[in-house]
C-alpha atoms as a PDB file:
ATOM      1  CA  UNK A   1      32.545  25.889  -0.299  1.00  0.00           C
ATOM      2  CA  UNK A   2      35.707  25.018   1.610  1.00  0.00           C
ATOM      3  CA  UNK A   3      38.836  26.695   0.251  1.00  0.00           C
ATOM      4  CA  UNK A   4      41.751  24.321  -0.292  1.00  0.00           C
ATOM      5  CA  UNK A   5      45.226  24.493  -1.793  1.00  0.00           C
ATOM      6  CA  UNK A   6      47.889  22.178  -3.174  1.00  0.00           C
ATOM      7  CA  UNK A   7      51.582  22.809  -2.575  1.00  0.00           C
ATOM      8  CA  UNK A   8      53.806  20.620  -4.723  1.00  0.00           C
ATOM      9  CA  UNK A   9      51.770  20.688  -7.922  1.00  0.00           C
ATOM     10  CA  UNK A  10      54.664  19.637 -10.152  1.00  0.00           C
ATOM     11  CA  UNK A  11      54.812  15.995  -9.100  1.00  0.00           C
ATOM     12  CA  UNK A  12      52.574  13.015  -9.778  1.00  0.00           C
ATOM     13  CA  UNK A  13      50.710  13.169  -6.462  1.00  0.00           C
ATOM     14  CA  UNK A  14      50.178  16.901  -6.915  1.00  0.00           C
ATOM     15  CA  UNK A  15      48.678  16.256 -10.335  1.00  0.00           C
ATOM     16  CA  UNK A  16      46.362  13.564  -8.937  1.00  0.00           C
ATOM     17  CA  UNK A  17      45.222  15.950  -6.199  1.00  0.00           C
ATOM     18  CA  UNK A  18      44.367  18.651  -8.727  1.00  0.00           C
ATOM     19  CA  UNK A  19      42.491  16.115 -10.897  1.00  0.00           C
ATOM     20  CA  UNK A  20      40.323  15.158  -7.912  1.00  0.00           C
ATOM     21  CA  UNK A  21      39.843  18.657  -6.526  1.00  0.00           C
ATOM     22  CA  UNK A  22      38.746  20.386  -9.745  1.00  0.00           C
ATOM     23  CA  UNK A  23      35.600  18.223  -9.684  1.00  0.00           C
ATOM     24  CA  UNK A  24      35.071  18.134  -5.918  1.00  0.00           C
ATOM     25  CA  UNK A  25      31.583  19.418  -5.020  1.00  0.00           C
ATOM     26  CA  UNK A  26      32.572  20.960  -1.678  1.00  0.00           C
ATOM     27  CA  UNK A  27      36.250  21.922  -2.052  1.00  0.00           C
ATOM     28  CA  UNK A  28      37.152  25.070  -3.964  1.00  0.00           C
ATOM     29  CA  UNK A  29      40.740  24.804  -5.260  1.00  0.00           C
ATOM     30  CA  UNK A  30      41.822  28.388  -4.619  1.00  0.00           C
ATOM     31  CA  UNK A  31      45.604  28.045  -4.447  1.00  0.00           C
ATOM     32  CA  UNK A  32      48.156  25.951  -6.356  1.00  0.00           C
ATOM     33  CA  UNK A  33      51.879  26.266  -5.739  1.00  0.00           C
ATOM     34  CA  UNK A  34      55.303  24.761  -6.255  1.00  0.00           C
ATOM     35  CA  UNK A  35      58.856  25.868  -5.456  1.00  0.00           C
ATOM     36  CA  UNK A  36      59.123  28.231  -8.439  1.00  0.00           C
ATOM     37  CA  UNK A  37      55.708  29.575  -9.451  1.00  0.00           C
ATOM     38  CA  UNK A  38      55.229  31.853 -12.481  1.00  0.00           C
ATOM     39  CA  UNK A  39      53.386  29.289 -14.564  1.00  0.00           C
ATOM     40  CA  UNK A  40      49.971  27.656 -14.910  1.00  0.00           C
ATOM     41  CA  UNK A  41      48.926  24.165 -13.950  1.00  0.00           C
ATOM     42  CA  UNK A  42      48.164  23.149 -17.540  1.00  0.00           C
ATOM     43  CA  UNK A  43      51.697  24.131 -18.580  1.00  0.00           C
ATOM     44  CA  UNK A  44      53.084  21.877 -15.867  1.00  0.00           C
ATOM     45  CA  UNK A  45      50.647  19.126 -16.870  1.00  0.00           C
ATOM     46  CA  UNK A  46      49.356  19.502 -20.449  1.00  0.00           C
ATOM     47  CA  UNK A  47      46.746  16.808 -19.753  1.00  0.00           C
ATOM     48  CA  UNK A  48      44.871  19.560 -17.881  1.00  0.00           C
ATOM     49  CA  UNK A  49      44.479  21.787 -20.957  1.00  0.00           C
ATOM     50  CA  UNK A  50      40.846  22.806 -21.147  1.00  0.00           C
ATOM     51  CA  UNK A  51      40.223  21.357 -17.674  1.00  0.00           C
ATOM     52  CA  UNK A  52      42.159  23.610 -15.325  1.00  0.00           C
ATOM     53  CA  UNK A  53      44.429  26.470 -16.292  1.00  0.00           C
ATOM     54  CA  UNK A  54      44.862  28.069 -12.873  1.00  0.00           C
ATOM     55  CA  UNK A  55      47.964  30.032 -11.984  1.00  0.00           C
ATOM     56  CA  UNK A  56      50.713  28.247 -10.061  1.00  0.00           C
ATOM     57  CA  UNK A  57      52.352  30.431  -7.411  1.00  0.00           C
ATOM     58  CA  UNK A  58      55.639  30.160  -5.606  1.00  0.00           C
ATOM     59  CA  UNK A  59      54.637  28.615  -2.290  1.00  0.00           C
ATOM     60  CA  UNK A  60      54.194  31.159   0.506  1.00  0.00           C
ATOM     61  CA  UNK A  61      52.719  30.350   3.907  1.00  0.00           C
ATOM     62  CA  UNK A  62      51.129  33.771   4.421  1.00  0.00           C
ATOM     63  CA  UNK A  63      49.409  33.546   1.048  1.00  0.00           C
ATOM     64  CA  UNK A  64      48.247  29.993   1.821  1.00  0.00           C
ATOM     65  CA  UNK A  65      46.705  31.211   5.088  1.00  0.00           C
ATOM     66  CA  UNK A  66      44.870  33.997   3.255  1.00  0.00           C
ATOM     67  CA  UNK A  67      43.527  31.727   0.533  1.00  0.00           C
ATOM     68  CA  UNK A  68      42.925  28.344   2.197  1.00  0.00           C
ATOM     69  CA  UNK A  69      41.074  26.641   5.036  1.00  0.00           C
ATOM     70  CA  UNK A  70      43.049  23.462   4.361  1.00  0.00           C
ATOM     71  CA  UNK A  71      46.147  22.697   2.314  1.00  0.00           C
ATOM     72  CA  UNK A  72      47.624  19.511   0.884  1.00  0.00           C
ATOM     73  CA  UNK A  73      51.420  19.306   1.011  1.00  0.00           C
ATOM     74  CA  UNK A  74      52.641  17.092  -1.827  1.00  0.00           C
ATOM     75  CA  UNK A  75      56.303  17.861  -1.200  1.00  0.00           C
ATOM     76  CA  UNK A  76      59.318  15.751  -0.162  1.00  0.00           C
ATOM     77  CA  UNK A  77      60.209  14.910   3.418  1.00  0.00           C
ATOM     78  CA  UNK A  78      62.142  17.682   5.227  1.00  0.00           C
ATOM     79  CA  UNK A  79      60.476  20.254   2.954  1.00  0.00           C
ATOM     80  CA  UNK A  80      57.037  19.555   4.427  1.00  0.00           C
ATOM     81  CA  UNK A  81      57.852  20.369   8.047  1.00  0.00           C
ATOM     82  CA  UNK A  82      59.173  23.775   6.998  1.00  0.00           C
ATOM     83  CA  UNK A  83      55.609  24.571   5.836  1.00  0.00           C
ATOM     84  CA  UNK A  84      53.657  22.773   8.550  1.00  0.00           C
ATOM     85  CA  UNK A  85      55.065  24.717  11.487  1.00  0.00           C
ATOM     86  CA  UNK A  86      54.006  28.210  10.278  1.00  0.00           C
ATOM     87  CA  UNK A  87      50.764  26.947   8.721  1.00  0.00           C
ATOM     88  CA  UNK A  88      49.638  25.417  12.003  1.00  0.00           C
ATOM     89  CA  UNK A  89      50.403  28.700  13.764  1.00  0.00           C
ATOM     90  CA  UNK A  90      48.298  30.515  11.162  1.00  0.00           C
ATOM     91  CA  UNK A  91      45.329  28.215  11.720  1.00  0.00           C
ATOM     92  CA  UNK A  92      45.408  26.322   8.415  1.00  0.00           C
ATOM     93  CA  UNK A  93      44.534  22.624   8.493  1.00  0.00           C
ATOM     94  CA  UNK A  94      47.143  20.433   6.790  1.00  0.00           C
ATOM     95  CA  UNK A  95      47.215  17.043   5.085  1.00  0.00           C
ATOM     96  CA  UNK A  96      50.880  16.181   4.654  1.00  0.00           C
ATOM     97  CA  UNK A  97      51.713  13.545   2.032  1.00  0.00           C
ATOM     98  CA  UNK A  98      55.373  13.361   3.049  1.00  0.00           C
ATOM     99  CA  UNK A  99      56.888  11.157   5.755  1.00  0.00           C
ATOM    100  CA  UNK A 100      57.636  14.045   8.123  1.00  0.00           C
ATOM    101  CA  UNK A 101      54.882  13.333  10.665  1.00  0.00           C
ATOM    102  CA  UNK A 102      54.250   9.596  10.260  1.00  0.00           C
ATOM    103  CA  UNK A 103      56.791   8.373  12.814  1.00  0.00           C
ATOM    104  CA  UNK A 104      58.058   9.122  16.295  1.00  0.00           C
ATOM    105  CA  UNK A 105      60.954  11.554  16.399  1.00  0.00           C
ATOM    106  CA  UNK A 106      63.520   8.872  17.257  1.00  0.00           C
ATOM    107  CA  UNK A 107      62.533   6.544  14.445  1.00  0.00           C
ATOM    108  CA  UNK A 108      62.085   9.348  11.917  1.00  0.00           C
ATOM    109  CA  UNK A 109      65.559  10.695  12.587  1.00  0.00           C
ATOM    110  CA  UNK A 110      67.064   7.213  12.316  1.00  0.00           C
ATOM    111  CA  UNK A 111      65.683   6.755   8.782  1.00  0.00           C
ATOM    112  CA  UNK A 112      65.350  10.312   7.453  1.00  0.00           C
ATOM    113  CA  UNK A 113      66.800  13.603   8.785  1.00  0.00           C
ATOM    114  CA  UNK A 114      66.732  15.603  12.043  1.00  0.00           C
ATOM    115  CA  UNK A 115      63.182  16.760  12.786  1.00  0.00           C
ATOM    116  CA  UNK A 116      62.649  20.518  13.046  1.00  0.00           C
ATOM    117  CA  UNK A 117      59.021  20.550  14.225  1.00  0.00           C
ATOM    118  CA  UNK A 118      58.798  18.050  17.058  1.00  0.00           C
ATOM    119  CA  UNK A 119      56.017  20.047  18.752  1.00  0.00           C
ATOM    120  CA  UNK A 120      53.509  19.122  16.052  1.00  0.00           C
ATOM    121  CA  UNK A 121      54.406  15.437  16.300  1.00  0.00           C
ATOM    122  CA  UNK A 122      52.277  15.534  19.467  1.00  0.00           C
ATOM    123  CA  UNK A 123      49.174  16.684  17.569  1.00  0.00           C
ATOM    124  CA  UNK A 124      49.318  14.693  14.334  1.00  0.00           C
ATOM    125  CA  UNK A 125      46.815  11.996  13.346  1.00  0.00           C
ATOM    126  CA  UNK A 126      47.863   9.154  11.067  1.00  0.00           C
ATOM    127  CA  UNK A 127      45.628   9.292   8.017  1.00  0.00           C
ATOM    128  CA  UNK A 128      44.389   5.736   7.704  1.00  0.00           C
ATOM    129  CA  UNK A 129      40.601   6.017   8.170  1.00  0.00           C
ATOM    130  CA  UNK A 130      40.120   2.321   8.878  1.00  0.00           C
ATOM    131  CA  UNK A 131      42.219   2.794  12.018  1.00  0.00           C
ATOM    132  CA  UNK A 132      41.801   6.435  13.034  1.00  0.00           C
ATOM    133  CA  UNK A 133      38.492   7.676  11.615  1.00  0.00           C
ATOM    134  CA  UNK A 134      37.261   9.220  14.887  1.00  0.00           C
ATOM    135  CA  UNK A 135      40.560  10.990  15.548  1.00  0.00           C
ATOM    136  CA  UNK A 136      40.564  12.388  12.004  1.00  0.00           C
ATOM    137  CA  UNK A 137      37.273  14.197  12.643  1.00  0.00           C
ATOM    138  CA  UNK A 138      38.972  16.666  14.986  1.00  0.00           C
ATOM    139  CA  UNK A 139      42.450  16.661  13.417  1.00  0.00           C
ATOM    140  CA  UNK A 140      44.265  19.814  12.360  1.00  0.00           C
ATOM    141  CA  UNK A 141      47.321  17.989  11.018  1.00  0.00           C
ATOM    142  CA  UNK A 142      47.181  14.626   9.254  1.00  0.00           C
ATOM    143  CA  UNK A 143      50.130  12.483   8.215  1.00  0.00           C
ATOM    144  CA  UNK A 144      48.991  10.768   5.047  1.00  0.00           C
ATOM    145  CA  UNK A 145      50.341   7.182   5.082  1.00  0.00           C
ATOM    146  CA  UNK A 146      52.980   5.889   2.719  1.00  0.00           C
ATOM    147  CA  UNK A 147      51.806   3.730  -0.169  1.00  0.00           C
ATOM    148  CA  UNK A 148      53.597   0.560   0.931  1.00  0.00           C
ATOM    149  CA  UNK A 149      52.373   0.889   4.547  1.00  0.00           C
ATOM    150  CA  UNK A 150      48.790   1.471   3.369  1.00  0.00           C
ATOM    151  CA  UNK A 151      48.783  -1.739   1.367  1.00  0.00           C
ATOM    152  CA  UNK A 152      50.564  -3.772   4.033  1.00  0.00           C
ATOM    153  CA  UNK A 153      48.724  -2.487   7.109  1.00  0.00           C
ATOM    154  CA  UNK A 154      45.271  -2.946   5.599  1.00  0.00           C
ATOM    155  CA  UNK A 155      46.161  -6.505   4.668  1.00  0.00           C
ATOM    156  CA  UNK A 156      47.612  -7.448   8.050  1.00  0.00           C
ATOM    157  CA  UNK A 157      45.252  -5.588  10.381  1.00  0.00           C
ATOM    158  CA  UNK A 158      42.331  -8.077  10.418  1.00  0.00           C
ATOM    159  CA  UNK A 159      44.664 -10.952  11.321  1.00  0.00           C
ATOM    160  CA  UNK A 160      46.971  -9.253  13.783  1.00  0.00           C
ATOM    161  CA  UNK A 161      45.435 -10.929  16.834  1.00  0.00           C
ATOM    162  CA  UNK A 162      45.610 -14.348  15.142  1.00  0.00           C
ATOM    163  CA  UNK A 163      49.344 -14.107  14.462  1.00  0.00           C
ATOM    164  CA  UNK A 164      51.617 -16.393  16.450  1.00  0.00           C
ATOM    165  CA  UNK A 165      53.584 -14.170  18.802  1.00  0.00           C
ATOM    166  CA  UNK A 166      57.215 -13.773  17.882  1.00  0.00           C
ATOM    167  CA  UNK A 167      56.884 -15.112  14.341  1.00  0.00           C
ATOM    168  CA  UNK A 168      58.090 -12.981  11.423  1.00  0.00           C
ATOM    169  CA  UNK A 169      55.758 -10.830   9.345  1.00  0.00           C
ATOM    170  CA  UNK A 170      56.932 -11.166   5.726  1.00  0.00           C
ATOM    171  CA  UNK A 171      55.857  -8.559   3.169  1.00  0.00           C
ATOM    172  CA  UNK A 172      56.900  -8.990  -0.465  1.00  0.00           C
ATOM    173  CA  UNK A 173      55.670  -5.835  -2.207  1.00  0.00           C
ATOM    174  CA  UNK A 174      55.808  -4.594  -5.782  1.00  0.00           C
ATOM    175  CA  UNK A 175      55.177  -1.089  -7.086  1.00  0.00           C
ATOM    176  CA  UNK A 176      54.993   0.801 -10.350  1.00  0.00           C
ATOM    177  CA  UNK A 177      57.712   3.319 -11.214  1.00  0.00           C
ATOM    178  CA  UNK A 178      55.553   6.371 -10.441  1.00  0.00           C
ATOM    179  CA  UNK A 179      56.045   5.498  -6.767  1.00  0.00           C
ATOM    180  CA  UNK A 180      59.628   6.748  -7.080  1.00  0.00           C
ATOM    181  CA  UNK A 181      58.358  10.220  -7.962  1.00  0.00           C
ATOM    182  CA  UNK A 182      58.979  12.458 -10.950  1.00  0.00           C
ATOM    183  CA  UNK A 183      62.646  13.178 -10.330  1.00  0.00           C
ATOM    184  CA  UNK A 184      64.935  11.375 -12.763  1.00  0.00           C
ATOM    185  CA  UNK A 185      67.359   8.742 -11.508  1.00  0.00           C
ATOM    186  CA  UNK A 186      69.494   5.920 -12.857  1.00  0.00           C
ATOM    187  CA  UNK A 187      67.320   3.397 -11.013  1.00  0.00           C
ATOM    188  CA  UNK A 188      64.128   4.531 -12.734  1.00  0.00           C
ATOM    189  CA  UNK A 189      65.684   5.170 -16.153  1.00  0.00           C
ATOM    190  CA  UNK A 190      63.685   3.405 -18.881  1.00  0.00           C
ATOM    191  CA  UNK A 191      66.558   1.149 -19.927  1.00  0.00           C
ATOM    192  CA  UNK A 192      66.971  -0.027 -16.334  1.00  0.00           C
ATOM    193  CA  UNK A 193      63.281  -0.603 -15.572  1.00  0.00           C
ATOM    194  CA  UNK A 194      62.011  -1.938 -18.897  1.00  0.00           C
ATOM    195  CA  UNK A 195      61.841  -5.751 -19.057  1.00  0.00           C
ATOM    196  CA  UNK A 196      63.297  -5.863 -15.570  1.00  0.00           C
ATOM    197  CA  UNK A 197      62.328  -6.578 -11.969  1.00  0.00           C
ATOM    198  CA  UNK A 198      64.400  -6.048  -8.846  1.00  0.00           C
ATOM    199  CA  UNK A 199      64.260  -5.590  -5.091  1.00  0.00           C
ATOM    200  CA  UNK A 200      65.602  -2.433  -3.492  1.00  0.00           C
ATOM    201  CA  UNK A 201      66.709  -1.698   0.043  1.00  0.00           C
ATOM    202  CA  UNK A 202      65.467  -5.119   1.237  1.00  0.00           C
ATOM    203  CA  UNK A 203      64.681  -5.496   4.962  1.00  0.00           C
ATOM    204  CA  UNK A 204      65.881  -1.961   5.756  1.00  0.00           C
ATOM    205  CA  UNK A 205      63.487   0.164   3.692  1.00  0.00           C
ATOM    206  CA  UNK A 206      62.231   3.176   5.652  1.00  0.00           C
ATOM    207  CA  UNK A 207      58.592   2.170   5.215  1.00  0.00           C
ATOM    208  CA  UNK A 208      59.204  -0.890   7.382  1.00  0.00           C
ATOM    209  CA  UNK A 209      59.262   1.078  10.668  1.00  0.00           C
ATOM    210  CA  UNK A 210      56.059   2.853   9.630  1.00  0.00           C
ATOM    211  CA  UNK A 211      54.350  -0.513   9.157  1.00  0.00           C
ATOM    212  CA  UNK A 212      55.743  -1.781  12.447  1.00  0.00           C
ATOM    213  CA  UNK A 213      54.779   1.292  14.494  1.00  0.00           C
ATOM    214  CA  UNK A 214      51.190   1.467  13.313  1.00  0.00           C
ATOM    215  CA  UNK A 215      50.648  -2.250  13.903  1.00  0.00           C
ATOM    216  CA  UNK A 216      52.338  -2.166  17.306  1.00  0.00           C
ATOM    217  CA  UNK A 217      55.087  -4.568  16.220  1.00  0.00           C
ATOM    218  CA  UNK A 218      58.827  -4.491  16.814  1.00  0.00           C
ATOM    219  CA  UNK A 219      60.869  -3.384  13.813  1.00  0.00           C
ATOM    220  CA  UNK A 220      62.762  -6.714  13.849  1.00  0.00           C
ATOM    221  CA  UNK A 221      59.473  -8.603  13.412  1.00  0.00           C
ATOM    222  CA  UNK A 222      58.634  -6.857  10.120  1.00  0.00           C
ATOM    223  CA  UNK A 223      60.521  -8.231   7.119  1.00  0.00           C
ATOM    224  CA  UNK A 224      59.681  -5.912   4.239  1.00  0.00           C
ATOM    225  CA  UNK A 225      61.126  -6.241   0.741  1.00  0.00           C
ATOM    226  CA  UNK A 226      59.928  -3.805  -1.959  1.00  0.00           C
ATOM    227  CA  UNK A 227      60.364  -4.470  -5.679  1.00  0.00           C
ATOM    228  CA  UNK A 228      60.230  -2.120  -8.660  1.00  0.00           C
ATOM    229  CA  UNK A 229      58.266  -3.456 -11.621  1.00  0.00           C
ATOM    230  CA  UNK A 230      58.033  -2.043 -15.176  1.00  0.00           C
ATOM    231  CA  UNK A 231      54.583  -0.502 -14.717  1.00  0.00           C
ATOM    232  CA  UNK A 232      53.508   3.122 -14.389  1.00  0.00           C
ATOM    233  CA  UNK A 233      51.169   2.760 -11.433  1.00  0.00           C
ATOM    234  CA  UNK A 234      49.879   0.137  -9.058  1.00  0.00           C
ATOM    235  CA  UNK A 235      51.023  -1.756  -5.981  1.00  0.00           C
ATOM    236  CA  UNK A 236      50.516  -5.249  -4.644  1.00  0.00           C
ATOM    237  CA  UNK A 237      51.716  -6.686  -1.340  1.00  0.00           C
ATOM    238  CA  UNK A 238      52.106 -10.421  -0.797  1.00  0.00           C
ATOM    239  CA  UNK A 239      52.030 -10.949   2.959  1.00  0.00           C
ATOM    240  CA  UNK A 240      52.847 -14.117   4.884  1.00  0.00           C
ATOM    241  CA  UNK A 241      51.797 -14.658   8.502  1.00  0.00           C
ATOM    242  CA  UNK A 242      52.089 -17.600  10.875  1.00  0.00           C
ATOM    243  CA  UNK A 243      48.728 -17.916  12.636  1.00  0.00           C
ATOM    244  CA  UNK A 244      47.216 -19.914  15.466  1.00  0.00           C
ATOM    245  CA  UNK A 245      43.701 -21.154  16.281  1.00  0.00           C
ATOM    246  CA  UNK A 246      41.098 -22.666  14.020  1.00  0.00           C
ATOM    247  CA  UNK A 247      39.287 -19.892  12.135  1.00  0.00           C
ATOM    248  CA  UNK A 248      37.874 -19.095   8.711  1.00  0.00           C
ATOM    249  CA  UNK A 249      40.253 -16.465   7.331  1.00  0.00           C
ATOM    250  CA  UNK A 250      37.956 -15.267   4.559  1.00  0.00           C
ATOM    251  CA  UNK A 251      34.990 -14.934   6.898  1.00  0.00           C
ATOM    252  CA  UNK A 252      37.115 -12.998   9.369  1.00  0.00           C
ATOM    253  CA  UNK A 253      38.327 -10.660   6.634  1.00  0.00           C
ATOM    254  CA  UNK A 254      34.779 -10.000   5.425  1.00  0.00           C
ATOM    255  CA  UNK A 255      33.517  -9.334   8.942  1.00  0.00           C
ATOM    256  CA  UNK A 256      36.394  -7.032   9.818  1.00  0.00           C
ATOM    257  CA  UNK A 257      35.844  -4.780   6.797  1.00  0.00           C
ATOM    258  CA  UNK A 258      32.084  -5.175   6.339  1.00  0.00           C
ATOM    259  CA  UNK A 259      31.390  -1.461   6.910  1.00  0.00           C
ATOM    260  CA  UNK A 260      34.351  -0.073   4.965  1.00  0.00           C
ATOM    261  CA  UNK A 261      33.447   1.532   1.639  1.00  0.00           C
ATOM    262  CA  UNK A 262      37.000   1.601   0.330  1.00  0.00           C
ATOM    263  CA  UNK A 263      37.947  -2.009   1.071  1.00  0.00           C
ATOM    264  CA  UNK A 264      36.886  -4.799  -1.261  1.00  0.00           C
ATOM    265  CA  UNK A 265      37.314  -8.386  -0.116  1.00  0.00           C
ATOM    266  CA  UNK A 266      38.004 -10.695  -3.045  1.00  0.00           C
ATOM    267  CA  UNK A 267      37.511 -14.445  -3.254  1.00  0.00           C
ATOM    268  CA  UNK A 268      40.026 -14.689  -6.097  1.00  0.00           C
ATOM    269  CA  UNK A 269      43.618 -13.364  -6.099  1.00  0.00           C
ATOM    270  CA  UNK A 270      43.657  -9.583  -6.559  1.00  0.00           C
ATOM    271  CA  UNK A 271      45.468  -7.592  -9.222  1.00  0.00           C
ATOM    272  CA  UNK A 272      46.590  -4.001  -9.648  1.00  0.00           C
ATOM    273  CA  UNK A 273      44.533  -3.147 -12.724  1.00  0.00           C
ATOM    274  CA  UNK A 274      41.188  -3.399 -10.959  1.00  0.00           C
ATOM    275  CA  UNK A 275      42.146  -0.697  -8.443  1.00  0.00           C
ATOM    276  CA  UNK A 276      43.958   1.647 -10.854  1.00  0.00           C
ATOM    277  CA  UNK A 277      42.608   5.187 -10.532  1.00  0.00           C
ATOM    278  CA  UNK A 278      40.550   4.383  -7.432  1.00  0.00           C
ATOM    279  CA  UNK A 279      40.711   4.644  -3.655  1.00  0.00           C
ATOM    280  CA  UNK A 280      39.954   0.946  -3.252  1.00  0.00           C
ATOM    281  CA  UNK A 281      42.147  -1.545  -1.486  1.00  0.00           C
ATOM    282  CA  UNK A 282      41.366  -5.058  -2.729  1.00  0.00           C
ATOM    283  CA  UNK A 283      42.327  -7.876  -0.343  1.00  0.00           C
ATOM    284  CA  UNK A 284      42.488 -11.650  -0.812  1.00  0.00           C
ATOM    285  CA  UNK A 285      43.388 -14.270   1.797  1.00  0.00           C
ATOM    286  CA  UNK A 286      44.267 -17.965   1.634  1.00  0.00           C
ATOM    287  CA  UNK A 287      45.191 -20.326   4.469  1.00  0.00           C
ATOM    288  CA  UNK A 288      47.355 -23.454   4.326  1.00  0.00           C
ATOM    289  CA  UNK A 289      47.794 -25.034   7.731  1.00  0.00           C
ATOM    290  CA  UNK A 290      49.275 -22.354   9.988  1.00  0.00           C
ATOM    291  CA  UNK A 291      50.431 -20.193   7.066  1.00  0.00           C
ATOM    292  CA  UNK A 292      48.278 -17.268   5.968  1.00  0.00           C
ATOM    293  CA  UNK A 293      48.801 -15.666   2.552  1.00  0.00           C
ATOM    294  CA  UNK A 294      47.303 -12.191   2.147  1.00  0.00           C
ATOM    295  CA  UNK A 295      47.340 -10.239  -1.110  1.00  0.00           C
ATOM    296  CA  UNK A 296      46.563  -6.526  -0.967  1.00  0.00           C
ATOM    297  CA  UNK A 297      46.352  -4.271  -4.049  1.00  0.00           C
ATOM    298  CA  UNK A 298      46.096  -0.477  -4.323  1.00  0.00           C
ATOM    299  CA  UNK A 299      46.865   2.334  -6.750  1.00  0.00           C
ATOM    300  CA  UNK A 300      50.055   3.784  -5.292  1.00  0.00           C
ATOM    301  CA  UNK A 301      49.236   7.319  -6.480  1.00  0.00           C
ATOM    302  CA  UNK A 302      45.615   7.225  -5.320  1.00  0.00           C
ATOM    303  CA  UNK A 303      44.911   5.076  -2.246  1.00  0.00           C
ATOM    304  CA  UNK A 304      48.643   5.239  -1.587  1.00  0.00           C
ATOM    305  CA  UNK A 305      48.679   9.057  -1.731  1.00  0.00           C
ATOM    306  CA  UNK A 306      46.265  11.540  -3.294  1.00  0.00           C
ATOM    307  CA  UNK A 307      42.762  10.051  -3.080  1.00  0.00           C
ATOM    308  CA  UNK A 308      43.447   8.908   0.486  1.00  0.00           C
ATOM    309  CA  UNK A 309      44.572  12.475   1.251  1.00  0.00           C
ATOM    310  CA  UNK A 310      41.264  13.847  -0.034  1.00  0.00           C
ATOM    311  CA  UNK A 311      39.314  11.265   1.989  1.00  0.00           C
ATOM    312  CA  UNK A 312      41.222  12.418   5.068  1.00  0.00           C
ATOM    313  CA  UNK A 313      40.448  16.050   4.259  1.00  0.00           C
ATOM    314  CA  UNK A 314      36.761  15.213   3.814  1.00  0.00           C
ATOM    315  CA  UNK A 315      36.658  13.650   7.267  1.00  0.00           C
ATOM    316  CA  UNK A 316      38.566  16.587   8.797  1.00  0.00           C
ATOM    317  CA  UNK A 317      36.083  19.062   7.317  1.00  0.00           C
ATOM    318  CA  UNK A 318      32.953  17.149   8.346  1.00  0.00           C
ATOM    319  CA  UNK A 319      32.039  15.832   4.895  1.00  0.00           C
ATOM    320  CA  UNK A 320      31.067  12.310   3.849  1.00  0.00           C
ATOM    321  CA  UNK A 321      34.459  10.713   3.407  1.00  0.00           C
ATOM    322  CA  UNK A 322      34.119   9.660  -0.241  1.00  0.00           C
ATOM    323  CA  UNK A 323      32.914  13.066  -1.429  1.00  0.00           C
ATOM    324  CA  UNK A 324      34.558  13.795  -4.782  1.00  0.00           C
ATOM    325  CA  UNK A 325      36.261  10.408  -4.955  1.00  0.00           C
ATOM    326  CA  UNK A 326      35.930   8.386  -8.146  1.00  0.00           C
ATOM    327  CA  UNK A 327      36.053   4.623  -7.622  1.00  0.00           C
ATOM    328  CA  UNK A 328      35.751   3.389 -11.203  1.00  0.00           C
ATOM    329  CA  UNK A 329      38.995   1.713 -12.236  1.00  0.00           C
ATOM    330  CA  UNK A 330      41.107   2.479 -15.309  1.00  0.00           C
ATOM    331  CA  UNK A 331      40.131  -0.757 -17.070  1.00  0.00           C
ATOM    332  CA  UNK A 332      41.201  -1.990 -19.562  1.00  0.00           C
END
């Protein structure tokens, strides 16, 4: 058994990690922590009563190193790099769910905060298996992708070489409220979200440079507009590309992802419900003249965070990548 830990057990992604790991056949969940400790996981999340009642500690890097071969950091940006630096020195493998290691230093500091662990930016692997599976096999530090970038990148990637150079990439994305995290805010207050729909931080959202960097595009070419919808979980990206050449878009999509277990190509428009609770990304494509419409759906808490993190950890530890991953959707 491989000993693993979760730091940041209070939040939604921390809960999803624990739910996966308690039934994982090769990972032994030996350490759970948050910023305060002195409780149990089922008190933080009563849904785990009778399932897991492990103690939750106050996070401590020395204790993590004693208890874990690998740790998942489900903590906010800035907080994560304070853990990564000592953990890497202590020989613990890390899957970081924050944004701290997803971007170059210059771009990260432009959209977030000053970076305090630039050394490890040189060693990180971006945790999108469809792009970096071989690199993940030898990784010690993985930057788990953001939920919006996961949905957008997987949709765009097969058609990147068909795009007309210099034309805009337009991404109209919608997410459930759990994507904003557990912390209360006026924006996510029930009376603001219920029966409502709105864009936020259009064109300047900090996930746009992540999409651009991983696809090798200029930031100005990526036009990303996220929307908050009155749903708990789920994400769908509507992507518009100008393309050249005469090609069968659906056939290309099927060929590109033919060996990928966690991508499902759909011949009808996708929806969020059919991927809820899974690590699947469902993708649909339709062409009209030189315009390509791509629809990409994921569960923002799973493929957009926790289940993708476990897949990355599986690859890092030499396991079959879907070990412990449930891919049966929460339907109805």
